[in-house]
Amino acid sequence: IIHGLFSFNAAAHGLLQKLGGSDPANIKEFQARFASPV
């Protein structure tokens, strides 16, 4: 199975890219629950 933290980090990247202009200053907190394997 793929690392849960890969999915976590890939989602964080997508959010920052789509909403935050890919600027690391535009995200303050990020969280998720690992619900099932990938």
Full PDB file with SEQRES, HELIX, SHEET, SSBOND, CRYST1, ORIGX, SCALE, CONECT and MASTER records, all heavy atoms in Angstrom:
SEQRES   1 A   38  ILE ILE HIS GLY LEU PHE SER PHE ASN ALA ALA ALA HIS          
SEQRES   2 A   38  GLY LEU LEU GLN LYS LEU GLY GLY SER ASP PRO ALA ASN          
SEQRES   3 A   38  ILE LYS GLU PHE GLN ALA ARG PHE ALA SER PRO VAL              
HELIX    1 AA1 GLY A    4  LEU A   19  1                                  16    
HELIX    2 AA2 PRO A   24  ASN A   26  5                                   3    
CRYST1    1.000    1.000    1.000  90.00  90.00  90.00 P 1           1          
ORIGX1      1.000000  0.000000  0.000000        0.00000                         
ORIGX2      0.000000  1.000000  0.000000        0.00000                         
ORIGX3      0.000000  0.000000  1.000000        0.00000                         
SCALE1      1.000000  0.000000  0.000000        0.00000                         
SCALE2      0.000000  1.000000  0.000000        0.00000                         
SCALE3      0.000000  0.000000  1.000000        0.00000                         
ATOM      1  N   ILE A   1       0.855  -1.184   0.000  1.00  0.00           N  
ATOM      2  CA  ILE A   1       0.000   0.000   0.000  1.00  0.00           C  
ATOM      3  C   ILE A   1       0.896   1.241   0.000  1.00  0.00           C  
ATOM      4  O   ILE A   1       2.054   1.186   0.409  1.00  0.00           O  
ATOM      5  CB  ILE A   1      -0.975   0.043   1.193  1.00  0.00           C  
ATOM      6  CG1 ILE A   1      -0.239   0.086   2.525  1.00  0.00           C  
ATOM      7  CG2 ILE A   1      -1.930  -1.138   1.147  1.00  0.00           C  
ATOM      8  CD1 ILE A   1      -1.136   0.324   3.733  1.00  0.00           C  
ATOM      9  N   ILE A   2       0.331   2.338  -0.493  1.00  0.00           N  
ATOM     10  CA  ILE A   2       1.076   3.598  -0.549  1.00  0.00           C  
ATOM     11  C   ILE A   2       1.091   4.245   0.827  1.00  0.00           C  
ATOM     12  O   ILE A   2       0.126   4.138   1.592  1.00  0.00           O  
ATOM     13  CB  ILE A   2       0.440   4.530  -1.607  1.00  0.00           C  
ATOM     14  CG1 ILE A   2       0.680   3.955  -3.020  1.00  0.00           C  
ATOM     15  CG2 ILE A   2       0.992   5.948  -1.514  1.00  0.00           C  
ATOM     16  CD1 ILE A   2       0.060   4.758  -4.141  1.00  0.00           C  
ATOM     17  N   HIS A   3       2.177   4.936   1.153  1.00  0.00           N  
ATOM     18  CA  HIS A   3       2.263   5.676   2.412  1.00  0.00           C  
ATOM     19  C   HIS A   3       1.028   6.566   2.577  1.00  0.00           C  
ATOM     20  O   HIS A   3       0.676   7.332   1.671  1.00  0.00           O  
ATOM     21  CB  HIS A   3       3.478   6.612   2.423  1.00  0.00           C  
ATOM     22  CG  HIS A   3       4.795   5.961   2.171  1.00  0.00           C  
ATOM     23  ND1 HIS A   3       5.188   5.520   0.915  1.00  0.00           N  
ATOM     24  CD2 HIS A   3       5.840   5.723   3.008  1.00  0.00           C  
ATOM     25  CE1 HIS A   3       6.415   5.024   0.996  1.00  0.00           C  
ATOM     26  NE2 HIS A   3       6.827   5.133   2.247  1.00  0.00           N  
ATOM     27  N   GLY A   4       0.401   6.482   3.756  1.00  0.00           N  
ATOM     28  CA  GLY A   4      -0.684   7.409   4.028  1.00  0.00           C  
ATOM     29  C   GLY A   4      -0.225   8.857   3.908  1.00  0.00           C  
ATOM     30  O   GLY A   4      -0.968   9.734   3.444  1.00  0.00           O  
ATOM     31  N   LEU A   5       1.021   9.111   4.288  1.00  0.00           N  
ATOM     32  CA  LEU A   5       1.529  10.480   4.230  1.00  0.00           C  
ATOM     33  C   LEU A   5       1.821  10.934   2.802  1.00  0.00           C  
ATOM     34  O   LEU A   5       1.938  12.135   2.558  1.00  0.00           O  
ATOM     35  CB  LEU A   5       2.763  10.636   5.116  1.00  0.00           C  
ATOM     36  CG  LEU A   5       2.448  10.719   6.610  1.00  0.00           C  
ATOM     37  CD1 LEU A   5       3.718  10.625   7.442  1.00  0.00           C  
ATOM     38  CD2 LEU A   5       1.688  12.002   6.941  1.00  0.00           C  
ATOM     39  N   PHE A   6       1.934  10.004   1.848  1.00  0.00           N  
ATOM     40  CA  PHE A   6       1.988  10.452   0.453  1.00  0.00           C  
ATOM     41  C   PHE A   6       0.659  11.091   0.068  1.00  0.00           C  
ATOM     42  O   PHE A   6       0.615  12.194  -0.478  1.00  0.00           O  
ATOM     43  CB  PHE A   6       2.289   9.297  -0.515  1.00  0.00           C  
ATOM     44  CG  PHE A   6       2.029   9.703  -1.946  1.00  0.00           C  
ATOM     45  CD1 PHE A   6       2.956  10.434  -2.659  1.00  0.00           C  
ATOM     46  CD2 PHE A   6       0.806   9.400  -2.567  1.00  0.00           C  
ATOM     47  CE1 PHE A   6       2.687  10.868  -3.964  1.00  0.00           C  
ATOM     48  CE2 PHE A   6       0.533   9.821  -3.854  1.00  0.00           C  
ATOM     49  CZ  PHE A   6       1.479  10.559  -4.551  1.00  0.00           C  
ATOM     50  N   SER A   7      -0.441  10.392   0.353  1.00  0.00           N  
ATOM     51  CA  SER A   7      -1.762  10.939   0.028  1.00  0.00           C  
ATOM     52  C   SER A   7      -1.992  12.260   0.761  1.00  0.00           C  
ATOM     53  O   SER A   7      -2.542  13.217   0.200  1.00  0.00           O  
ATOM     54  CB  SER A   7      -2.854   9.937   0.401  1.00  0.00           C  
ATOM     55  OG  SER A   7      -2.644   8.687  -0.241  1.00  0.00           O  
ATOM     56  N   PHE A   8      -1.567  12.326   2.023  1.00  0.00           N  
ATOM     57  CA  PHE A   8      -1.677  13.522   2.842  1.00  0.00           C  
ATOM     58  C   PHE A   8      -0.928  14.696   2.201  1.00  0.00           C  
ATOM     59  O   PHE A   8      -1.472  15.792   2.008  1.00  0.00           O  
ATOM     60  CB  PHE A   8      -1.104  13.190   4.221  1.00  0.00           C  
ATOM     61  CG  PHE A   8      -1.175  14.259   5.259  1.00  0.00           C  
ATOM     62  CD1 PHE A   8      -2.245  14.325   6.141  1.00  0.00           C  
ATOM     63  CD2 PHE A   8      -0.138  15.165   5.432  1.00  0.00           C  
ATOM     64  CE1 PHE A   8      -2.298  15.282   7.150  1.00  0.00           C  
ATOM     65  CE2 PHE A   8      -0.173  16.119   6.431  1.00  0.00           C  
ATOM     66  CZ  PHE A   8      -1.255  16.188   7.291  1.00  0.00           C  
ATOM     67  N   ASN A   9       0.331  14.455   1.844  1.00  0.00           N  
ATOM     68  CA  ASN A   9       1.151  15.520   1.269  1.00  0.00           C  
ATOM     69  C   ASN A   9       0.694  15.913  -0.135  1.00  0.00           C  
ATOM     70  O   ASN A   9       0.734  17.096  -0.496  1.00  0.00           O  
ATOM     71  CB  ASN A   9       2.615  15.082   1.235  1.00  0.00           C  
ATOM     72  CG  ASN A   9       3.239  15.040   2.610  1.00  0.00           C  
ATOM     73  OD1 ASN A   9       3.105  15.968   3.395  1.00  0.00           O  
ATOM     74  ND2 ASN A   9       3.924  13.951   2.915  1.00  0.00           N  
ATOM     75  N   ALA A  10       0.250  14.927  -0.928  1.00  0.00           N  
ATOM     76  CA  ALA A  10      -0.239  15.231  -2.270  1.00  0.00           C  
ATOM     77  C   ALA A  10      -1.503  16.082  -2.200  1.00  0.00           C  
ATOM     78  O   ALA A  10      -1.699  17.002  -3.015  1.00  0.00           O  
ATOM     79  CB  ALA A  10      -0.501  13.939  -3.037  1.00  0.00           C  
ATOM     80  N   ALA A  11      -2.366  15.810  -1.210  1.00  0.00           N  
ATOM     81  CA  ALA A  11      -3.566  16.630  -1.033  1.00  0.00           C  
ATOM     82  C   ALA A  11      -3.193  18.043  -0.598  1.00  0.00           C  
ATOM     83  O   ALA A  11      -3.769  19.034  -1.075  1.00  0.00           O  
ATOM     84  CB  ALA A  11      -4.505  15.983  -0.017  1.00  0.00           C  
ATOM     85  N   ALA A  12      -2.229  18.164   0.315  1.00  0.00           N  
ATOM     86  CA  ALA A  12      -1.776  19.486   0.750  1.00  0.00           C  
ATOM     87  C   ALA A  12      -1.221  20.278  -0.431  1.00  0.00           C  
ATOM     88  O   ALA A  12      -1.498  21.480  -0.579  1.00  0.00           O  
ATOM     89  CB  ALA A  12      -0.723  19.346   1.840  1.00  0.00           C  
ATOM     90  N   HIS A  13      -0.459  19.591  -1.288  1.00  0.00           N  
ATOM     91  CA  HIS A  13       0.072  20.270  -2.470  1.00  0.00           C  
ATOM     92  C   HIS A  13      -1.054  20.759  -3.373  1.00  0.00           C  
ATOM     93  O   HIS A  13      -1.051  21.901  -3.836  1.00  0.00           O  
ATOM     94  CB  HIS A  13       1.005  19.352  -3.264  1.00  0.00           C  
ATOM     95  CG  HIS A  13       1.319  19.890  -4.621  1.00  0.00           C  
ATOM     96  ND1 HIS A  13       0.846  19.305  -5.776  1.00  0.00           N  
ATOM     97  CD2 HIS A  13       1.995  21.003  -5.002  1.00  0.00           C  
ATOM     98  CE1 HIS A  13       1.244  20.025  -6.812  1.00  0.00           C  
ATOM     99  NE2 HIS A  13       1.943  21.051  -6.365  1.00  0.00           N  
ATOM    100  N   GLY A  14      -2.053  19.904  -3.622  1.00  0.00           N  
ATOM    101  CA  GLY A  14      -3.160  20.293  -4.490  1.00  0.00           C  
ATOM    102  C   GLY A  14      -3.928  21.488  -3.946  1.00  0.00           C  
ATOM    103  O   GLY A  14      -4.281  22.409  -4.686  1.00  0.00           O  
ATOM    104  N   LEU A  15      -4.179  21.488  -2.631  1.00  0.00           N  
ATOM    105  CA  LEU A  15      -4.887  22.620  -2.027  1.00  0.00           C  
ATOM    106  C   LEU A  15      -4.081  23.908  -2.153  1.00  0.00           C  
ATOM    107  O   LEU A  15      -4.622  24.967  -2.507  1.00  0.00           O  
ATOM    108  CB  LEU A  15      -5.182  22.347  -0.544  1.00  0.00           C  
ATOM    109  CG  LEU A  15      -6.604  21.871  -0.227  1.00  0.00           C  
ATOM    110  CD1 LEU A  15      -6.854  20.482  -0.773  1.00  0.00           C  
ATOM    111  CD2 LEU A  15      -6.872  21.912   1.271  1.00  0.00           C  
ATOM    112  N   LEU A  16      -2.789  23.822  -1.875  1.00  0.00           N  
ATOM    113  CA  LEU A  16      -1.972  25.034  -1.950  1.00  0.00           C  
ATOM    114  C   LEU A  16      -1.868  25.540  -3.389  1.00  0.00           C  
ATOM    115  O   LEU A  16      -1.916  26.745  -3.641  1.00  0.00           O  
ATOM    116  CB  LEU A  16      -0.576  24.757  -1.384  1.00  0.00           C  
ATOM    117  CG  LEU A  16       0.288  25.996  -1.155  1.00  0.00           C  
ATOM    118  CD1 LEU A  16      -0.351  26.953  -0.160  1.00  0.00           C  
ATOM    119  CD2 LEU A  16       1.690  25.612  -0.701  1.00  0.00           C  
ATOM    120  N   GLN A  17      -1.783  24.599  -4.330  1.00  0.00           N  
ATOM    121  CA  GLN A  17      -1.682  24.974  -5.741  1.00  0.00           C  
ATOM    122  C   GLN A  17      -2.988  25.581  -6.249  1.00  0.00           C  
ATOM    123  O   GLN A  17      -2.984  26.615  -6.923  1.00  0.00           O  
ATOM    124  CB  GLN A  17      -1.314  23.740  -6.568  1.00  0.00           C  
ATOM    125  CG  GLN A  17      -1.103  24.017  -8.045  1.00  0.00           C  
ATOM    126  CD  GLN A  17      -0.824  22.738  -8.812  1.00  0.00           C  
ATOM    127  OE1 GLN A  17      -1.541  21.749  -8.666  1.00  0.00           O  
ATOM    128  NE2 GLN A  17       0.239  22.732  -9.605  1.00  0.00           N  
ATOM    129  N   LYS A  18      -4.119  24.973  -5.907  1.00  0.00           N  
ATOM    130  CA  LYS A  18      -5.409  25.404  -6.467  1.00  0.00           C  
ATOM    131  C   LYS A  18      -6.005  26.608  -5.753  1.00  0.00           C  
ATOM    132  O   LYS A  18      -6.719  27.409  -6.369  1.00  0.00           O  
ATOM    133  CB  LYS A  18      -6.413  24.242  -6.416  1.00  0.00           C  
ATOM    134  CG  LYS A  18      -5.990  22.999  -7.183  1.00  0.00           C  
ATOM    135  CD  LYS A  18      -5.899  23.260  -8.670  1.00  0.00           C  
ATOM    136  CE  LYS A  18      -5.582  21.976  -9.438  1.00  0.00           C  
ATOM    137  NZ  LYS A  18      -5.415  22.225 -10.893  1.00  0.00           N  
ATOM    138  N   LEU A  19      -5.753  26.718  -4.447  1.00  0.00           N  
ATOM    139  CA  LEU A  19      -6.375  27.796  -3.668  1.00  0.00           C  
ATOM    140  C   LEU A  19      -5.384  28.843  -3.183  1.00  0.00           C  
ATOM    141  O   LEU A  19      -5.753  30.008  -3.016  1.00  0.00           O  
ATOM    142  CB  LEU A  19      -7.107  27.222  -2.451  1.00  0.00           C  
ATOM    143  CG  LEU A  19      -8.294  26.293  -2.694  1.00  0.00           C  
ATOM    144  CD1 LEU A  19      -8.910  25.886  -1.362  1.00  0.00           C  
ATOM    145  CD2 LEU A  19      -9.338  26.956  -3.577  1.00  0.00           C  
ATOM    146  N   GLY A  20      -4.161  28.419  -2.904  1.00  0.00           N  
ATOM    147  CA  GLY A  20      -3.206  29.312  -2.256  1.00  0.00           C  
ATOM    148  C   GLY A  20      -2.129  29.868  -3.152  1.00  0.00           C  
ATOM    149  O   GLY A  20      -1.120  30.397  -2.650  1.00  0.00           O  
ATOM    150  N   GLY A  21      -2.313  29.764  -4.484  1.00  0.00           N  
ATOM    151  CA  GLY A  21      -1.315  30.315  -5.398  1.00  0.00           C  
ATOM    152  C   GLY A  21       0.058  29.705  -5.254  1.00  0.00           C  
ATOM    153  O   GLY A  21       1.063  30.309  -5.631  1.00  0.00           O  
ATOM    154  N   SER A  22       0.135  28.497  -4.699  1.00  0.00           N  
ATOM    155  CA  SER A  22       1.407  27.785  -4.459  1.00  0.00           C  
ATOM    156  C   SER A  22       2.357  28.562  -3.553  1.00  0.00           C  
ATOM    157  O   SER A  22       3.560  28.320  -3.551  1.00  0.00           O  
ATOM    158  CB  SER A  22       2.114  27.434  -5.784  1.00  0.00           C  
ATOM    159  OG  SER A  22       1.399  26.441  -6.476  1.00  0.00           O  
ATOM    160  N   ASP A  23       1.812  29.476  -2.774  1.00  0.00           N  
ATOM    161  CA  ASP A  23       2.630  30.280  -1.858  1.00  0.00           C  
ATOM    162  C   ASP A  23       2.562  29.648  -0.468  1.00  0.00           C  
ATOM    163  O   ASP A  23       1.485  29.590   0.135  1.00  0.00           O  
ATOM    164  CB  ASP A  23       2.090  31.710  -1.816  1.00  0.00           C  
ATOM    165  CG  ASP A  23       2.926  32.629  -0.936  1.00  0.00           C  
ATOM    166  OD1 ASP A  23       3.733  32.134  -0.130  1.00  0.00           O  
ATOM    167  OD2 ASP A  23       2.755  33.861  -1.053  1.00  0.00           O  
ATOM    168  N   PRO A  24       3.695  29.167   0.058  1.00  0.00           N  
ATOM    169  CA  PRO A  24       3.653  28.490   1.359  1.00  0.00           C  
ATOM    170  C   PRO A  24       3.162  29.383   2.496  1.00  0.00           C  
ATOM    171  O   PRO A  24       2.730  28.875   3.537  1.00  0.00           O  
ATOM    172  CB  PRO A  24       5.097  28.038   1.585  1.00  0.00           C  
ATOM    173  CG  PRO A  24       5.926  28.841   0.640  1.00  0.00           C  
ATOM    174  CD  PRO A  24       5.051  29.171  -0.520  1.00  0.00           C  
ATOM    175  N   ALA A  25       3.191  30.695   2.303  1.00  0.00           N  
ATOM    176  CA  ALA A  25       2.691  31.605   3.336  1.00  0.00           C  
ATOM    177  C   ALA A  25       1.174  31.589   3.438  1.00  0.00           C  
ATOM    178  O   ALA A  25       0.607  32.154   4.385  1.00  0.00           O  
ATOM    179  CB  ALA A  25       3.166  33.028   3.051  1.00  0.00           C  
ATOM    180  N   ASN A  26       0.502  30.928   2.481  1.00  0.00           N  
ATOM    181  CA  ASN A  26      -0.964  30.953   2.438  1.00  0.00           C  
ATOM    182  C   ASN A  26      -1.633  29.737   3.067  1.00  0.00           C  
ATOM    183  O   ASN A  26      -2.822  29.518   2.876  1.00  0.00           O  
ATOM    184  CB  ASN A  26      -1.447  31.127   0.989  1.00  0.00           C  
ATOM    185  CG  ASN A  26      -1.209  32.531   0.481  1.00  0.00           C  
ATOM    186  OD1 ASN A  26      -1.120  33.475   1.266  1.00  0.00           O  
ATOM    187  ND2 ASN A  26      -1.088  32.682  -0.836  1.00  0.00           N  
ATOM    188  N   ILE A  27      -0.880  28.955   3.830  1.00  0.00           N  
ATOM    189  CA  ILE A  27      -1.479  27.829   4.557  1.00  0.00           C  
ATOM    190  C   ILE A  27      -0.944  27.834   5.987  1.00  0.00           C  
ATOM    191  O   ILE A  27       0.257  27.989   6.216  1.00  0.00           O  
ATOM    192  CB  ILE A  27      -1.225  26.478   3.846  1.00  0.00           C  
ATOM    193  CG1 ILE A  27      -2.017  25.358   4.519  1.00  0.00           C  
ATOM    194  CG2 ILE A  27       0.261  26.149   3.745  1.00  0.00           C  
ATOM    195  CD1 ILE A  27      -2.110  24.086   3.679  1.00  0.00           C  
ATOM    196  N   LYS A  28      -1.858  27.713   6.932  1.00  0.00           N  
ATOM    197  CA  LYS A  28      -1.514  27.805   8.352  1.00  0.00           C  
ATOM    198  C   LYS A  28      -1.650  26.474   9.069  1.00  0.00           C  
ATOM    199  O   LYS A  28      -0.858  26.151   9.957  1.00  0.00           O  
ATOM    200  CB  LYS A  28      -2.415  28.845   9.027  1.00  0.00           C  
ATOM    201  CG  LYS A  28      -2.106  29.105  10.485  1.00  0.00           C  
ATOM    202  CD  LYS A  28      -3.064  30.152  11.049  1.00  0.00           C  
ATOM    203  CE  LYS A  28      -2.733  30.448  12.514  1.00  0.00           C  
ATOM    204  NZ  LYS A  28      -3.690  31.426  13.083  1.00  0.00           N  
ATOM    205  N   GLU A  29      -2.690  25.696   8.704  1.00  0.00           N  
ATOM    206  CA  GLU A  29      -2.908  24.371   9.289  1.00  0.00           C  
ATOM    207  C   GLU A  29      -3.412  23.436   8.207  1.00  0.00           C  
ATOM    208  O   GLU A  29      -4.056  23.863   7.245  1.00  0.00           O  
ATOM    209  CB  GLU A  29      -3.964  24.411  10.413  1.00  0.00           C  
ATOM    210  CG  GLU A  29      -3.546  25.128  11.662  1.00  0.00           C  
ATOM    211  CD  GLU A  29      -4.568  24.968  12.790  1.00  0.00           C  
ATOM    212  OE1 GLU A  29      -5.554  24.214  12.601  1.00  0.00           O  
ATOM    213  OE2 GLU A  29      -4.371  25.584  13.846  1.00  0.00           O  
ATOM    214  N   PHE A  30      -3.136  22.145   8.411  1.00  0.00           N  
ATOM    215  CA  PHE A  30      -3.609  21.127   7.472  1.00  0.00           C  
ATOM    216  C   PHE A  30      -3.780  19.832   8.254  1.00  0.00           C  
ATOM    217  O   PHE A  30      -2.893  19.439   9.018  1.00  0.00           O  
ATOM    218  CB  PHE A  30      -2.596  20.927   6.341  1.00  0.00           C  
ATOM    219  CG  PHE A  30      -3.033  19.946   5.284  1.00  0.00           C  
ATOM    220  CD1 PHE A  30      -3.864  20.345   4.248  1.00  0.00           C  
ATOM    221  CD2 PHE A  30      -2.622  18.630   5.329  1.00  0.00           C  
ATOM    222  CE1 PHE A  30      -4.272  19.454   3.265  1.00  0.00           C  
ATOM    223  CE2 PHE A  30      -3.030  17.721   4.357  1.00  0.00           C  
ATOM    224  CZ  PHE A  30      -3.853  18.142   3.325  1.00  0.00           C  
ATOM    225  N   GLN A  31      -4.932  19.170   8.075  1.00  0.00           N  
ATOM    226  CA  GLN A  31      -5.149  17.917   8.793  1.00  0.00           C  
ATOM    227  C   GLN A  31      -6.047  16.976   8.001  1.00  0.00           C  
ATOM    228  O   GLN A  31      -6.828  17.405   7.145  1.00  0.00           O  
ATOM    229  CB  GLN A  31      -5.763  18.176  10.166  1.00  0.00           C  
ATOM    230  CG  GLN A  31      -7.217  18.559  10.165  1.00  0.00           C  
ATOM    231  CD  GLN A  31      -7.736  18.759  11.584  1.00  0.00           C  
ATOM    232  OE1 GLN A  31      -7.508  19.808  12.190  1.00  0.00           O  
ATOM    233  NE2 GLN A  31      -8.421  17.755  12.111  1.00  0.00           N  
ATOM    234  N   ALA A  32      -5.926  15.687   8.322  1.00  0.00           N  
ATOM    235  CA  ALA A  32      -6.788  14.667   7.713  1.00  0.00           C  
ATOM    236  C   ALA A  32      -6.691  13.394   8.526  1.00  0.00           C  
ATOM    237  O   ALA A  32      -5.728  13.162   9.272  1.00  0.00           O  
ATOM    238  CB  ALA A  32      -6.385  14.401   6.264  1.00  0.00           C  
ATOM    239  N   ARG A  33      -7.709  12.555   8.363  1.00  0.00           N  
ATOM    240  CA  ARG A  33      -7.752  11.233   8.983  1.00  0.00           C  
ATOM    241  C   ARG A  33      -7.494  10.192   7.894  1.00  0.00           C  
ATOM    242  O   ARG A  33      -8.057  10.262   6.805  1.00  0.00           O  
ATOM    243  CB  ARG A  33      -9.116  10.998   9.630  1.00  0.00           C  
ATOM    244  CG  ARG A  33      -9.263   9.651  10.319  1.00  0.00           C  
ATOM    245  CD  ARG A  33     -10.664   9.506  10.905  1.00  0.00           C  
ATOM    246  NE  ARG A  33     -10.927  10.539  11.918  1.00  0.00           N  
ATOM    247  CZ  ARG A  33     -12.129  11.003  12.215  1.00  0.00           C  
ATOM    248  NH1 ARG A  33     -13.194  10.568  11.565  1.00  0.00           N  
ATOM    249  NH2 ARG A  33     -12.271  11.926  13.142  1.00  0.00           N  
ATOM    250  N   PHE A  34      -6.655   9.226   8.196  1.00  0.00           N  
ATOM    251  CA  PHE A  34      -6.324   8.173   7.242  1.00  0.00           C  
ATOM    252  C   PHE A  34      -7.404   7.097   7.335  1.00  0.00           C  
ATOM    253  O   PHE A  34      -7.461   6.339   8.301  1.00  0.00           O  
ATOM    254  CB  PHE A  34      -4.932   7.615   7.527  1.00  0.00           C  
ATOM    255  CG  PHE A  34      -3.866   8.674   7.473  1.00  0.00           C  
ATOM    256  CD1 PHE A  34      -3.483   9.337   8.633  1.00  0.00           C  
ATOM    257  CD2 PHE A  34      -3.269   9.032   6.286  1.00  0.00           C  
ATOM    258  CE1 PHE A  34      -2.518  10.329   8.599  1.00  0.00           C  
ATOM    259  CE2 PHE A  34      -2.301  10.025   6.230  1.00  0.00           C  
ATOM    260  CZ  PHE A  34      -1.920  10.673   7.387  1.00  0.00           C  
ATOM    261  N   ALA A  35      -8.284   7.041   6.337  1.00  0.00           N  
ATOM    262  CA  ALA A  35      -9.513   6.261   6.447  1.00  0.00           C  
ATOM    263  C   ALA A  35      -9.411   4.868   5.834  1.00  0.00           C  
ATOM    264  O   ALA A  35     -10.048   3.929   6.310  1.00  0.00           O  
ATOM    265  CB  ALA A  35     -10.675   7.024   5.793  1.00  0.00           C  
ATOM    266  N   SER A  36      -8.659   4.724   4.755  1.00  0.00           N  
ATOM    267  CA  SER A  36      -8.518   3.408   4.113  1.00  0.00           C  
ATOM    268  C   SER A  36      -7.259   3.418   3.244  1.00  0.00           C  
ATOM    269  O   SER A  36      -6.780   4.483   2.839  1.00  0.00           O  
ATOM    270  CB  SER A  36      -9.754   3.069   3.270  1.00  0.00           C  
ATOM    271  OG  SER A  36      -9.883   3.956   2.188  1.00  0.00           O  
ATOM    272  N   PRO A  37      -6.718   2.242   2.953  1.00  0.00           N  
ATOM    273  CA  PRO A  37      -5.448   2.199   2.217  1.00  0.00           C  
ATOM    274  C   PRO A  37      -5.594   2.554   0.746  1.00  0.00           C  
ATOM    275  O   PRO A  37      -6.665   2.423   0.144  1.00  0.00           O  
ATOM    276  CB  PRO A  37      -5.003   0.743   2.383  1.00  0.00           C  
ATOM    277  CG  PRO A  37      -6.245  -0.021   2.676  1.00  0.00           C  
ATOM    278  CD  PRO A  37      -7.161   0.912   3.395  1.00  0.00           C  
ATOM    279  N   VAL A  38      -4.491   3.014   0.186  1.00  0.00           N  
ATOM    280  CA  VAL A  38      -4.380   3.319  -1.243  1.00  0.00           C  
ATOM    281  C   VAL A  38      -3.353   2.371  -1.833  1.00  0.00           C  
ATOM    282  O   VAL A  38      -2.278   2.155  -1.242  1.00  0.00           O  
ATOM    283  CB  VAL A  38      -3.943   4.788  -1.458  1.00  0.00           C  
ATOM    284  CG1 VAL A  38      -3.744   5.080  -2.938  1.00  0.00           C  
ATOM    285  CG2 VAL A  38      -4.964   5.743  -0.849  1.00  0.00           C  
TER     286      VAL A  38                                                      
MASTER        0    0    0    2    0    0    0    6  285    1    0    3          
END                                                                             
